[in-house]
PDB file of N, CA and C in Angstrom:
ATOM      1  N   MET A   1    -102.264  50.399  -7.774  1.00  0.00           N
ATOM      2  CA  MET A   1    -101.228  49.494  -7.518  1.00  0.00           C
ATOM      3  C   MET A   1    -100.032  49.705  -8.577  1.00  0.00           C
ATOM      4  N   SER A   2    -100.332  50.767  -9.509  1.00  0.00           N
ATOM      5  CA  SER A   2     -99.245  51.068 -10.475  1.00  0.00           C
ATOM      6  C   SER A   2     -97.877  51.621  -9.789  1.00  0.00           C
ATOM      7  N   SER A   3     -98.010  52.169  -8.553  1.00  0.00           N
ATOM      8  CA  SER A   3     -96.773  52.666  -7.977  1.00  0.00           C
ATOM      9  C   SER A   3     -96.095  51.555  -6.968  1.00  0.00           C
ATOM     10  N   LEU A   4     -96.687  50.563  -6.942  1.00  0.00           N
ATOM     11  CA  LEU A   4     -96.156  49.473  -6.121  1.00  0.00           C
ATOM     12  C   LEU A   4     -94.577  48.919  -6.423  1.00  0.00           C
ATOM     13  N   ARG A   5     -93.731  48.882  -5.524  1.00  0.00           N
ATOM     14  CA  ARG A   5     -92.386  48.823  -5.914  1.00  0.00           C
ATOM     15  C   ARG A   5     -92.062  47.390  -5.169  1.00  0.00           C
ATOM     16  N   SER A   6     -92.609  46.655  -4.344  1.00  0.00           N
ATOM     17  CA  SER A   6     -92.060  45.400  -4.105  1.00  0.00           C
ATOM     18  C   SER A   6     -93.412  44.475  -3.809  1.00  0.00           C
ATOM     19  N   LEU A   7     -93.284  43.191  -4.131  1.00  0.00           N
ATOM     20  CA  LEU A   7     -94.536  42.364  -4.148  1.00  0.00           C
ATOM     21  C   LEU A   7     -93.762  40.951  -3.748  1.00  0.00           C
ATOM     22  N   TYR A   8     -94.330  40.358  -2.648  1.00  0.00           N
ATOM     23  CA  TYR A   8     -93.862  38.886  -2.017  1.00  0.00           C
ATOM     24  C   TYR A   8     -95.112  38.185  -2.281  1.00  0.00           C
ATOM     25  N   LEU A   9     -94.972  37.276  -3.144  1.00  0.00           N
ATOM     26  CA  LEU A   9     -96.059  36.218  -3.394  1.00  0.00           C
ATOM     27  C   LEU A   9     -95.467  34.871  -3.057  1.00  0.00           C
ATOM     28  N   ARG A  10     -94.553  34.808  -2.072  1.00  0.00           N
ATOM     29  CA  ARG A  10     -93.973  33.490  -1.414  1.00  0.00           C
ATOM     30  C   ARG A  10     -94.906  32.391  -1.039  1.00  0.00           C
ATOM     31  N   TRP A  11     -94.760  31.292  -1.573  1.00  0.00           N
ATOM     32  CA  TRP A  11     -95.553  30.157  -1.077  1.00  0.00           C
ATOM     33  C   TRP A  11     -97.090  30.208  -1.404  1.00  0.00           C
ATOM     34  N   CYS A  12     -97.383  31.103  -2.394  1.00  0.00           N
ATOM     35  CA  CYS A  12     -98.757  31.099  -2.811  1.00  0.00           C
ATOM     36  C   CYS A  12     -98.879  29.873  -3.965  1.00  0.00           C
ATOM     37  N   CYS A  13     -99.330  29.006  -3.289  1.00  0.00           N
ATOM     38  CA  CYS A  13     -99.409  27.631  -4.127  1.00  0.00           C
ATOM     39  C   CYS A  13    -100.366  27.552  -5.171  1.00  0.00           C
ATOM     40  N   GLN A  14    -101.271  28.647  -5.297  1.00  0.00           N
ATOM     41  CA  GLN A  14    -102.271  28.514  -6.303  1.00  0.00           C
ATOM     42  C   GLN A  14    -101.953  29.519  -7.543  1.00  0.00           C
ATOM     43  N   VAL A  15    -100.779  30.320  -7.421  1.00  0.00           N
ATOM     44  CA  VAL A  15    -100.463  31.230  -8.402  1.00  0.00           C
ATOM     45  C   VAL A  15     -99.966  30.378  -9.717  1.00  0.00           C
ATOM     46  N   GLN A  16    -100.430  30.749 -10.794  1.00  0.00           N
ATOM     47  CA  GLN A  16    -100.182  30.165 -12.037  1.00  0.00           C
ATOM     48  C   GLN A  16     -99.643  30.919 -13.179  1.00  0.00           C
ATOM     49  N   ASP A  17     -99.216  30.615 -14.278  1.00  0.00           N
ATOM     50  CA  ASP A  17     -98.691  31.470 -15.236  1.00  0.00           C
ATOM     51  C   ASP A  17     -99.757  32.598 -15.614  1.00  0.00           C
ATOM     52  N   PHE A  18    -101.138  32.183 -15.758  1.00  0.00           N
ATOM     53  CA  PHE A  18    -102.083  33.111 -16.087  1.00  0.00           C
ATOM     54  C   PHE A  18    -102.158  34.219 -15.182  1.00  0.00           C
ATOM     55  N   GLY A  19    -101.881  33.890 -13.876  1.00  0.00           N
ATOM     56  CA  GLY A  19    -102.047  35.071 -12.754  1.00  0.00           C
ATOM     57  C   GLY A  19    -100.920  35.908 -12.749  1.00  0.00           C
ATOM     58  N   LEU A  20     -99.659  35.585 -13.490  1.00  0.00           N
ATOM     59  CA  LEU A  20     -98.591  36.450 -13.569  1.00  0.00           C
ATOM     60  C   LEU A  20     -98.975  37.693 -14.490  1.00  0.00           C
ATOM     61  N   GLN A  21     -99.799  37.377 -15.450  1.00  0.00           N
ATOM     62  CA  GLN A  21    -100.074  38.385 -16.411  1.00  0.00           C
ATOM     63  C   GLN A  21    -100.661  39.543 -15.741  1.00  0.00           C
ATOM     64  N   HIS A  22    -101.248  39.462 -14.632  1.00  0.00           N
ATOM     65  CA  HIS A  22    -101.722  40.655 -13.861  1.00  0.00           C
ATOM     66  C   HIS A  22    -100.724  41.553 -13.363  1.00  0.00           C
ATOM     67  N   LEU A  23     -99.452  40.892 -13.203  1.00  0.00           N
ATOM     68  CA  LEU A  23     -98.360  41.816 -12.767  1.00  0.00           C
ATOM     69  C   LEU A  23     -97.671  42.567 -13.792  1.00  0.00           C
ATOM     70  N   PHE A  24     -97.813  42.352 -15.093  1.00  0.00           N
ATOM     71  CA  PHE A  24     -97.132  42.922 -16.201  1.00  0.00           C
ATOM     72  C   PHE A  24     -97.445  44.444 -16.310  1.00  0.00           C
ATOM     73  N   GLY A  25     -98.514  44.876 -15.788  1.00  0.00           N
ATOM     74  CA  GLY A  25     -98.938  46.324 -15.860  1.00  0.00           C
ATOM     75  C   GLY A  25     -98.206  47.178 -14.819  1.00  0.00           C
ATOM     76  N   MET A  26     -97.603  46.357 -13.888  1.00  0.00           N
ATOM     77  CA  MET A  26     -96.979  47.144 -12.683  1.00  0.00           C
ATOM     78  C   MET A  26     -95.526  47.666 -13.158  1.00  0.00           C
ATOM     79  N   ARG A  27     -95.538  48.760 -13.774  1.00  0.00           N
ATOM     80  CA  ARG A  27     -94.401  49.267 -14.287  1.00  0.00           C
ATOM     81  C   ARG A  27     -93.456  49.759 -13.326  1.00  0.00           C
ATOM     82  N   SER A  28     -93.642  50.086 -12.102  1.00  0.00           N
ATOM     83  CA  SER A  28     -92.868  50.454 -11.121  1.00  0.00           C
ATOM     84  C   SER A  28     -92.242  49.406 -10.131  1.00  0.00           C
ATOM     85  N   LEU A  29     -92.621  48.090 -10.406  1.00  0.00           N
ATOM     86  CA  LEU A  29     -92.187  46.972  -9.653  1.00  0.00           C
ATOM     87  C   LEU A  29     -90.759  46.871  -9.705  1.00  0.00           C
ATOM     88  N   ARG A  30     -90.049  46.906  -8.659  1.00  0.00           N
ATOM     89  CA  ARG A  30     -88.563  46.653  -8.424  1.00  0.00           C
ATOM     90  C   ARG A  30     -88.118  45.247  -7.891  1.00  0.00           C
ATOM     91  N   LEU A  31     -89.018  44.733  -6.989  1.00  0.00           N
ATOM     92  CA  LEU A  31     -88.687  43.490  -6.319  1.00  0.00           C
ATOM     93  C   LEU A  31     -89.931  42.712  -6.233  1.00  0.00           C
ATOM     94  N   LEU A  32     -89.576  41.363  -6.948  1.00  0.00           N
ATOM     95  CA  LEU A  32     -90.678  40.255  -7.021  1.00  0.00           C
ATOM     96  C   LEU A  32     -90.218  38.966  -6.426  1.00  0.00           C
ATOM     97  N   SER A  33     -90.828  38.494  -5.407  1.00  0.00           N
ATOM     98  CA  SER A  33     -90.642  37.136  -4.920  1.00  0.00           C
ATOM     99  C   SER A  33     -91.617  36.231  -5.166  1.00  0.00           C
ATOM    100  N   LEU A  34     -91.464  35.113  -6.114  1.00  0.00           N
ATOM    101  CA  LEU A  34     -92.299  34.143  -6.451  1.00  0.00           C
ATOM    102  C   LEU A  34     -91.770  32.747  -5.781  1.00  0.00           C
ATOM    103  N   ALA A  35     -90.961  32.794  -4.703  1.00  0.00           N
ATOM    104  CA  ALA A  35     -90.325  31.649  -4.087  1.00  0.00           C
ATOM    105  C   ALA A  35     -91.462  30.657  -3.668  1.00  0.00           C
ATOM    106  N   GLY A  36     -91.314  29.365  -3.975  1.00  0.00           N
ATOM    107  CA  GLY A  36     -92.228  28.317  -3.517  1.00  0.00           C
ATOM    108  C   GLY A  36     -93.572  28.324  -4.171  1.00  0.00           C
ATOM    109  N   CYS A  37     -93.676  28.996  -5.219  1.00  0.00           N
ATOM    110  CA  CYS A  37     -94.838  28.892  -6.133  1.00  0.00           C
ATOM    111  C   CYS A  37     -94.815  27.767  -7.170  1.00  0.00           C
ATOM    112  N   PRO A  38     -95.400  26.599  -6.968  1.00  0.00           N
ATOM    113  CA  PRO A  38     -95.055  25.264  -7.718  1.00  0.00           C
ATOM    114  C   PRO A  38     -95.598  25.344  -8.955  1.00  0.00           C
ATOM    115  N   LEU A  39     -96.575  26.083  -9.248  1.00  0.00           N
ATOM    116  CA  LEU A  39     -97.358  26.015 -10.608  1.00  0.00           C
ATOM    117  C   LEU A  39     -96.785  26.768 -11.706  1.00  0.00           C
ATOM    118  N   LEU A  40     -95.731  27.582 -11.312  1.00  0.00           N
ATOM    119  CA  LEU A  40     -95.167  28.469 -12.440  1.00  0.00           C
ATOM    120  C   LEU A  40     -94.375  27.703 -13.238  1.00  0.00           C
ATOM    121  N   THR A  41     -94.267  28.014 -14.545  1.00  0.00           N
ATOM    122  CA  THR A  41     -93.497  27.315 -15.527  1.00  0.00           C
ATOM    123  C   THR A  41     -92.450  28.250 -16.154  1.00  0.00           C
ATOM    124  N   THR A  42     -91.531  27.788 -16.809  1.00  0.00           N
ATOM    125  CA  THR A  42     -90.662  28.836 -17.537  1.00  0.00           C
ATOM    126  C   THR A  42     -91.146  29.765 -18.575  1.00  0.00           C
ATOM    127  N   THR A  43     -92.143  29.266 -19.185  1.00  0.00           N
ATOM    128  CA  THR A  43     -92.989  29.973 -20.388  1.00  0.00           C
ATOM    129  C   THR A  43     -93.657  31.218 -19.413  1.00  0.00           C
ATOM    130  N   GLY A  44     -94.198  30.913 -18.352  1.00  0.00           N
ATOM    131  CA  GLY A  44     -95.005  31.963 -17.525  1.00  0.00           C
ATOM    132  C   GLY A  44     -94.022  33.102 -17.159  1.00  0.00           C
ATOM    133  N   LEU A  45     -92.842  32.408 -16.570  1.00  0.00           N
ATOM    134  CA  LEU A  45     -91.767  33.445 -15.873  1.00  0.00           C
ATOM    135  C   LEU A  45     -91.212  34.202 -16.988  1.00  0.00           C
ATOM    136  N   SER A  46     -91.052  33.714 -18.126  1.00  0.00           N
ATOM    137  CA  SER A  46     -90.279  34.553 -19.326  1.00  0.00           C
ATOM    138  C   SER A  46     -91.170  35.769 -19.421  1.00  0.00           C
ATOM    139  N   GLY A  47     -92.395  35.730 -19.165  1.00  0.00           N
ATOM    140  CA  GLY A  47     -93.265  36.953 -19.521  1.00  0.00           C
ATOM    141  C   GLY A  47     -92.977  38.177 -18.541  1.00  0.00           C
ATOM    142  N   LEU A  48     -92.045  37.881 -17.815  1.00  0.00           N
ATOM    143  CA  LEU A  48     -91.563  38.933 -16.705  1.00  0.00           C
ATOM    144  C   LEU A  48     -90.730  39.970 -17.311  1.00  0.00           C
ATOM    145  N   ILE A  49     -90.323  39.819 -18.542  1.00  0.00           N
ATOM    146  CA  ILE A  49     -89.643  40.775 -19.382  1.00  0.00           C
ATOM    147  C   ILE A  49     -90.152  42.080 -19.543  1.00  0.00           C
ATOM    148  N   GLN A  50     -91.529  42.035 -19.358  1.00  0.00           N
ATOM    149  CA  GLN A  50     -92.352  43.144 -19.488  1.00  0.00           C
ATOM    150  C   GLN A  50     -92.185  44.184 -18.289  1.00  0.00           C
ATOM    151  N   LEU A  51     -91.745  43.534 -17.222  1.00  0.00           N
ATOM    152  CA  LEU A  51     -91.425  44.358 -15.795  1.00  0.00           C
ATOM    153  C   LEU A  51     -90.039  45.151 -16.025  1.00  0.00           C
ATOM    154  N   GLN A  52     -90.047  46.105 -17.021  1.00  0.00           N
ATOM    155  CA  GLN A  52     -88.686  46.722 -17.248  1.00  0.00           C
ATOM    156  C   GLN A  52     -88.013  47.533 -16.163  1.00  0.00           C
ATOM    157  N   GLU A  53     -88.554  47.668 -14.831  1.00  0.00           N
ATOM    158  CA  GLU A  53     -87.955  48.164 -13.940  1.00  0.00           C
ATOM    159  C   GLU A  53     -87.334  47.269 -12.815  1.00  0.00           C
ATOM    160  N   LEU A  54     -87.713  45.945 -12.993  1.00  0.00           N
ATOM    161  CA  LEU A  54     -87.531  44.849 -11.930  1.00  0.00           C
ATOM    162  C   LEU A  54     -86.133  44.562 -11.881  1.00  0.00           C
ATOM    163  N   GLU A  55     -85.554  44.760 -10.421  1.00  0.00           N
ATOM    164  CA  GLU A  55     -84.276  44.611 -10.170  1.00  0.00           C
ATOM    165  C   GLU A  55     -83.815  43.317  -9.334  1.00  0.00           C
ATOM    166  N   GLU A  56     -84.704  42.889  -8.631  1.00  0.00           N
ATOM    167  CA  GLU A  56     -84.635  41.685  -7.853  1.00  0.00           C
ATOM    168  C   GLU A  56     -85.723  40.628  -8.058  1.00  0.00           C
ATOM    169  N   LEU A  57     -85.388  39.495  -8.412  1.00  0.00           N
ATOM    170  CA  LEU A  57     -86.346  38.449  -8.535  1.00  0.00           C
ATOM    171  C   LEU A  57     -85.927  37.161  -7.693  1.00  0.00           C
ATOM    172  N   GLU A  58     -86.893  36.766  -6.819  1.00  0.00           N
ATOM    173  CA  GLU A  58     -86.453  35.455  -6.079  1.00  0.00           C
ATOM    174  C   GLU A  58     -87.356  34.370  -6.619  1.00  0.00           C
ATOM    175  N   LEU A  59     -86.653  33.335  -6.868  1.00  0.00           N
ATOM    176  CA  LEU A  59     -87.225  32.063  -7.621  1.00  0.00           C
ATOM    177  C   LEU A  59     -86.928  30.827  -6.720  1.00  0.00           C
ATOM    178  N   THR A  60     -86.733  31.060  -5.511  1.00  0.00           N
ATOM    179  CA  THR A  60     -86.275  29.834  -4.613  1.00  0.00           C
ATOM    180  C   THR A  60     -87.283  28.916  -4.647  1.00  0.00           C
ATOM    181  N   ASN A  61     -87.141  27.537  -4.770  1.00  0.00           N
ATOM    182  CA  ASN A  61     -88.140  26.589  -4.665  1.00  0.00           C
ATOM    183  C   ASN A  61     -89.311  26.589  -5.611  1.00  0.00           C
ATOM    184  N   CYS A  62     -88.900  27.216  -6.839  1.00  0.00           N
ATOM    185  CA  CYS A  62     -89.910  27.419  -7.863  1.00  0.00           C
ATOM    186  C   CYS A  62     -89.499  26.479  -9.095  1.00  0.00           C
ATOM    187  N   PRO A  63     -90.113  25.483  -9.237  1.00  0.00           N
ATOM    188  CA  PRO A  63     -89.886  24.539 -10.267  1.00  0.00           C
ATOM    189  C   PRO A  63     -89.711  25.105 -11.657  1.00  0.00           C
ATOM    190  N   GLY A  64     -90.295  26.151 -11.821  1.00  0.00           N
ATOM    191  CA  GLY A  64     -90.151  26.864 -13.303  1.00  0.00           C
ATOM    192  C   GLY A  64     -88.935  27.705 -13.465  1.00  0.00           C
ATOM    193  N   ALA A  65     -88.065  27.700 -12.471  1.00  0.00           N
ATOM    194  CA  ALA A  65     -86.903  28.474 -12.704  1.00  0.00           C
ATOM    195  C   ALA A  65     -85.864  27.240 -13.134  1.00  0.00           C
ATOM    196  N   THR A  66     -85.829  27.069 -14.408  1.00  0.00           N
ATOM    197  CA  THR A  66     -85.028  25.964 -15.083  1.00  0.00           C
ATOM    198  C   THR A  66     -83.746  26.749 -15.685  1.00  0.00           C
ATOM    199  N   ALA A  67     -82.873  25.845 -16.019  1.00  0.00           N
ATOM    200  CA  ALA A  67     -81.653  26.338 -16.706  1.00  0.00           C
ATOM    201  C   ALA A  67     -81.921  27.186 -17.816  1.00  0.00           C
ATOM    202  N   GLU A  68     -82.784  26.969 -18.534  1.00  0.00           N
ATOM    203  CA  GLU A  68     -83.423  27.644 -19.587  1.00  0.00           C
ATOM    204  C   GLU A  68     -83.602  29.141 -19.419  1.00  0.00           C
ATOM    205  N   LEU A  69     -84.496  29.403 -18.234  1.00  0.00           N
ATOM    206  CA  LEU A  69     -84.873  30.623 -17.814  1.00  0.00           C
ATOM    207  C   LEU A  69     -83.541  31.392 -17.299  1.00  0.00           C
ATOM    208  N   PHE A  70     -82.680  30.599 -16.524  1.00  0.00           N
ATOM    209  CA  PHE A  70     -81.527  31.329 -16.125  1.00  0.00           C
ATOM    210  C   PHE A  70     -80.690  31.808 -17.265  1.00  0.00           C
ATOM    211  N   ASN A  71     -80.487  30.974 -18.127  1.00  0.00           N
ATOM    212  CA  ASN A  71     -79.656  31.260 -19.396  1.00  0.00           C
ATOM    213  C   ASN A  71     -80.302  32.474 -20.068  1.00  0.00           C
ATOM    214  N   ALA A  72     -81.590  32.649 -20.064  1.00  0.00           N
ATOM    215  CA  ALA A  72     -82.240  33.527 -20.707  1.00  0.00           C
ATOM    216  C   ALA A  72     -82.175  34.820 -20.238  1.00  0.00           C
ATOM    217  N   CYS A  73     -81.672  34.813 -18.761  1.00  0.00           N
ATOM    218  CA  CYS A  73     -81.571  36.151 -18.052  1.00  0.00           C
ATOM    219  C   CYS A  73     -79.954  36.661 -18.396  1.00  0.00           C
ATOM    220  N   CYS A  74     -79.091  35.721 -18.392  1.00  0.00           N
ATOM    221  CA  CYS A  74     -77.658  35.951 -18.593  1.00  0.00           C
ATOM    222  C   CYS A  74     -77.183  35.950 -20.029  1.00  0.00           C
ATOM    223  N   CYS A  75     -77.976  35.524 -21.005  1.00  0.00           N
ATOM    224  CA  CYS A  75     -77.518  35.378 -22.389  1.00  0.00           C
ATOM    225  C   CYS A  75     -78.380  36.104 -23.135  1.00  0.00           C
ATOM    226  N   PHE A  76     -77.878  36.982 -23.970  1.00  0.00           N
ATOM    227  CA  PHE A  76     -78.846  37.767 -24.684  1.00  0.00           C
ATOM    228  C   PHE A  76     -79.251  37.289 -26.204  1.00  0.00           C
ATOM    229  N   HIS A  77     -78.696  35.946 -26.480  1.00  0.00           N
ATOM    230  CA  HIS A  77     -79.025  35.489 -27.841  1.00  0.00           C
ATOM    231  C   HIS A  77     -80.135  34.299 -27.630  1.00  0.00           C
ATOM    232  N   THR A  78     -80.728  34.389 -26.646  1.00  0.00           N
ATOM    233  CA  THR A  78     -81.906  33.178 -26.477  1.00  0.00           C
ATOM    234  C   THR A  78     -83.240  33.998 -26.791  1.00  0.00           C
ATOM    235  N   THR A  79     -84.159  33.113 -26.966  1.00  0.00           N
ATOM    236  CA  THR A  79     -85.575  33.619 -27.253  1.00  0.00           C
ATOM    237  C   THR A  79     -86.268  34.116 -26.008  1.00  0.00           C
ATOM    238  N   LEU A  80     -86.004  33.360 -24.892  1.00  0.00           N
ATOM    239  CA  LEU A  80     -86.605  33.819 -23.668  1.00  0.00           C
ATOM    240  C   LEU A  80     -85.774  34.818 -22.901  1.00  0.00           C
ATOM    241  N   ARG A  81     -86.273  35.713 -22.263  1.00  0.00           N
ATOM    242  CA  ARG A  81     -85.487  36.928 -21.758  1.00  0.00           C
ATOM    243  C   ARG A  81     -86.276  37.446 -20.477  1.00  0.00           C
ATOM    244  N   LEU A  82     -85.292  37.779 -19.622  1.00  0.00           N
ATOM    245  CA  LEU A  82     -85.845  38.535 -18.446  1.00  0.00           C
ATOM    246  C   LEU A  82     -85.458  39.784 -18.422  1.00  0.00           C
ATOM    247  N   PRO A  83     -85.918  40.762 -17.739  1.00  0.00           N
ATOM    248  CA  PRO A  83     -85.654  42.323 -18.008  1.00  0.00           C
ATOM    249  C   PRO A  83     -84.197  42.590 -17.630  1.00  0.00           C
ATOM    250  N   SER A  84     -83.506  43.263 -18.513  1.00  0.00           N
ATOM    251  CA  SER A  84     -82.111  43.619 -18.382  1.00  0.00           C
ATOM    252  C   SER A  84     -81.775  44.376 -17.069  1.00  0.00           C
ATOM    253  N   THR A  85     -82.749  44.911 -16.433  1.00  0.00           N
ATOM    254  CA  THR A  85     -82.526  45.704 -15.315  1.00  0.00           C
ATOM    255  C   THR A  85     -82.354  44.802 -14.018  1.00  0.00           C
ATOM    256  N   ILE A  86     -82.462  43.427 -14.177  1.00  0.00           N
ATOM    257  CA  ILE A  86     -82.469  42.620 -12.875  1.00  0.00           C
ATOM    258  C   ILE A  86     -80.792  42.685 -12.513  1.00  0.00           C
ATOM    259  N   ARG A  87     -80.691  42.961 -11.329  1.00  0.00           N
ATOM    260  CA  ARG A  87     -79.355  42.891 -10.571  1.00  0.00           C
ATOM    261  C   ARG A  87     -79.192  41.868  -9.706  1.00  0.00           C
ATOM    262  N   LEU A  88     -80.204  41.120  -9.151  1.00  0.00           N
ATOM    263  CA  LEU A  88     -80.160  40.210  -8.073  1.00  0.00           C
ATOM    264  C   LEU A  88     -81.101  39.213  -8.496  1.00  0.00           C
ATOM    265  N   LEU A  89     -80.603  37.839  -8.653  1.00  0.00           N
ATOM    266  CA  LEU A  89     -81.617  36.845  -8.961  1.00  0.00           C
ATOM    267  C   LEU A  89     -81.355  35.579  -7.944  1.00  0.00           C
ATOM    268  N   ARG A  90     -82.290  35.045  -7.192  1.00  0.00           N
ATOM    269  CA  ARG A  90     -82.233  34.112  -6.183  1.00  0.00           C
ATOM    270  C   ARG A  90     -82.826  32.853  -6.830  1.00  0.00           C
ATOM    271  N   LEU A  91     -82.075  31.822  -6.786  1.00  0.00           N
ATOM    272  CA  LEU A  91     -82.626  30.525  -7.188  1.00  0.00           C
ATOM    273  C   LEU A  91     -82.242  29.311  -6.144  1.00  0.00           C
ATOM    274  N   SER A  92     -83.191  28.391  -6.237  1.00  0.00           N
ATOM    275  CA  SER A  92     -82.774  27.180  -5.331  1.00  0.00           C
ATOM    276  C   SER A  92     -82.249  26.076  -6.091  1.00  0.00           C
ATOM    277  N   ASN A  93     -81.615  25.017  -5.611  1.00  0.00           N
ATOM    278  CA  ASN A  93     -81.205  23.884  -6.068  1.00  0.00           C
ATOM    279  C   ASN A  93     -80.312  24.207  -7.546  1.00  0.00           C
ATOM    280  N   PRO A  94     -79.274  25.039  -7.401  1.00  0.00           N
ATOM    281  CA  PRO A  94     -78.532  25.475  -8.479  1.00  0.00           C
ATOM    282  C   PRO A  94     -77.931  24.284  -9.164  1.00  0.00           C
ATOM    283  N   SER A  95     -77.959  23.093  -8.640  1.00  0.00           N
ATOM    284  CA  SER A  95     -77.176  21.950  -9.151  1.00  0.00           C
ATOM    285  C   SER A  95     -77.717  21.528 -10.655  1.00  0.00           C
ATOM    286  N   HIS A  96     -78.948  21.841 -10.687  1.00  0.00           N
ATOM    287  CA  HIS A  96     -79.665  21.599 -11.949  1.00  0.00           C
ATOM    288  C   HIS A  96     -79.464  22.418 -13.218  1.00  0.00           C
ATOM    289  N   LEU A  97     -78.763  23.659 -12.752  1.00  0.00           N
ATOM    290  CA  LEU A  97     -78.425  24.526 -13.760  1.00  0.00           C
ATOM    291  C   LEU A  97     -77.185  24.362 -14.319  1.00  0.00           C
ATOM    292  N   GLN A  98     -76.966  24.459 -15.551  1.00  0.00           N
ATOM    293  CA  GLN A  98     -75.537  24.259 -16.130  1.00  0.00           C
ATOM    294  C   GLN A  98     -74.689  25.579 -15.837  1.00  0.00           C
ATOM    295  N   THR A  99     -73.614  25.526 -15.349  1.00  0.00           N
ATOM    296  CA  THR A  99     -72.649  26.704 -14.905  1.00  0.00           C
ATOM    297  C   THR A  99     -71.456  26.753 -15.711  1.00  0.00           C
ATOM    298  N   THR A 100     -71.078  27.973 -15.877  1.00  0.00           N
ATOM    299  CA  THR A 100     -69.947  28.307 -16.621  1.00  0.00           C
ATOM    300  C   THR A 100     -68.682  28.539 -15.689  1.00  0.00           C
ATOM    301  N   PRO A 101     -67.384  28.611 -16.218  1.00  0.00           N
ATOM    302  CA  PRO A 101     -66.485  29.053 -15.199  1.00  0.00           C
ATOM    303  C   PRO A 101     -66.681  30.160 -14.474  1.00  0.00           C
ATOM    304  N   ALA A 102     -67.393  31.104 -14.890  1.00  0.00           N
ATOM    305  CA  ALA A 102     -67.487  32.384 -14.037  1.00  0.00           C
ATOM    306  C   ALA A 102     -68.495  32.391 -13.076  1.00  0.00           C
ATOM    307  N   GLU A 103     -69.241  31.255 -13.089  1.00  0.00           N
ATOM    308  CA  GLU A 103     -70.353  31.142 -11.946  1.00  0.00           C
ATOM    309  C   GLU A 103     -69.574  30.166 -10.771  1.00  0.00           C
ATOM    310  N   PRO A 104     -70.363  30.142  -9.667  1.00  0.00           N
ATOM    311  CA  PRO A 104     -69.846  29.188  -8.661  1.00  0.00           C
ATOM    312  C   PRO A 104     -70.286  27.802  -8.928  1.00  0.00           C
ATOM    313  N   PRO A 105     -69.394  26.990  -8.574  1.00  0.00           N
ATOM    314  CA  PRO A 105     -69.787  25.555  -8.654  1.00  0.00           C
ATOM    315  C   PRO A 105     -70.955  25.075  -7.881  1.00  0.00           C
ATOM    316  N   ALA A 106     -71.727  24.202  -8.477  1.00  0.00           N
ATOM    317  CA  ALA A 106     -72.861  23.552  -7.712  1.00  0.00           C
ATOM    318  C   ALA A 106     -72.399  23.082  -6.503  1.00  0.00           C
ATOM    319  N   THR A 107     -73.070  23.313  -5.251  1.00  0.00           N
ATOM    320  CA  THR A 107     -72.671  22.893  -3.964  1.00  0.00           C
ATOM    321  C   THR A 107     -73.782  22.322  -3.332  1.00  0.00           C
ATOM    322  N   THR A 108     -73.788  22.035  -2.189  1.00  0.00           N
ATOM    323  CA  THR A 108     -74.950  21.510  -1.302  1.00  0.00           C
ATOM    324  C   THR A 108     -75.845  22.524  -0.844  1.00  0.00           C
ATOM    325  N   THR A 109     -75.395  23.829  -1.139  1.00  0.00           N
ATOM    326  CA  THR A 109     -76.172  24.890  -0.700  1.00  0.00           C
ATOM    327  C   THR A 109     -77.561  24.973  -1.455  1.00  0.00           C
ATOM    328  N   SER A 110     -78.731  25.104  -0.750  1.00  0.00           N
ATOM    329  CA  SER A 110     -79.955  24.951  -1.365  1.00  0.00           C
ATOM    330  C   SER A 110     -80.552  26.221  -2.095  1.00  0.00           C
ATOM    331  N   VAL A 111     -79.779  27.476  -1.798  1.00  0.00           N
ATOM    332  CA  VAL A 111     -80.251  28.817  -2.272  1.00  0.00           C
ATOM    333  C   VAL A 111     -78.958  29.399  -2.893  1.00  0.00           C
ATOM    334  N   TRP A 112     -78.926  29.845  -4.164  1.00  0.00           N
ATOM    335  CA  TRP A 112     -77.928  30.522  -4.899  1.00  0.00           C
ATOM    336  C   TRP A 112     -78.347  31.949  -5.214  1.00  0.00           C
ATOM    337  N   THR A 113     -77.547  32.905  -4.745  1.00  0.00           N
ATOM    338  CA  THR A 113     -77.886  34.280  -5.136  1.00  0.00           C
ATOM    339  C   THR A 113     -76.843  34.724  -6.139  1.00  0.00           C
ATOM    340  N   HIS A 114     -77.224  35.286  -7.364  1.00  0.00           N
ATOM    341  CA  HIS A 114     -76.321  35.635  -8.155  1.00  0.00           C
ATOM    342  C   HIS A 114     -76.576  37.318  -8.567  1.00  0.00           C
ATOM    343  N   HIS A 115     -75.434  37.935  -8.617  1.00  0.00           N
ATOM    344  CA  HIS A 115     -75.601  39.412  -8.705  1.00  0.00           C
ATOM    345  C   HIS A 115     -75.215  39.640 -10.081  1.00  0.00           C
ATOM    346  N   LEU A 116     -76.226  40.137 -10.947  1.00  0.00           N
ATOM    347  CA  LEU A 116     -75.854  40.234 -12.344  1.00  0.00           C
ATOM    348  C   LEU A 116     -75.174  41.666 -12.646  1.00  0.00           C
TER     349      LEU A 116
END
């Protein structure tokens, strides 16, 4: 599985932070979808920094995708970080995220795609 490039774990309601640790050795992973995984936390998701080739990350309907995690992806002065290679980040319920003027305003749209 070291050559796996895409992994979709959408709506796997039993995936927990501990389970994410098994992904960290997948050095060629480019796309990861954790949409709808309700047990993942910001702490567990921040471990994704180890996936240095990750380009797309989908966290729609994932409660662990907090403003803290998003800021970690976009701001380099934080202690939590996501891989700098991420070019596409999909989140749901963007209204709970703090936005800056460069970001789109929170709308009634349930899914927000951000090209980094």
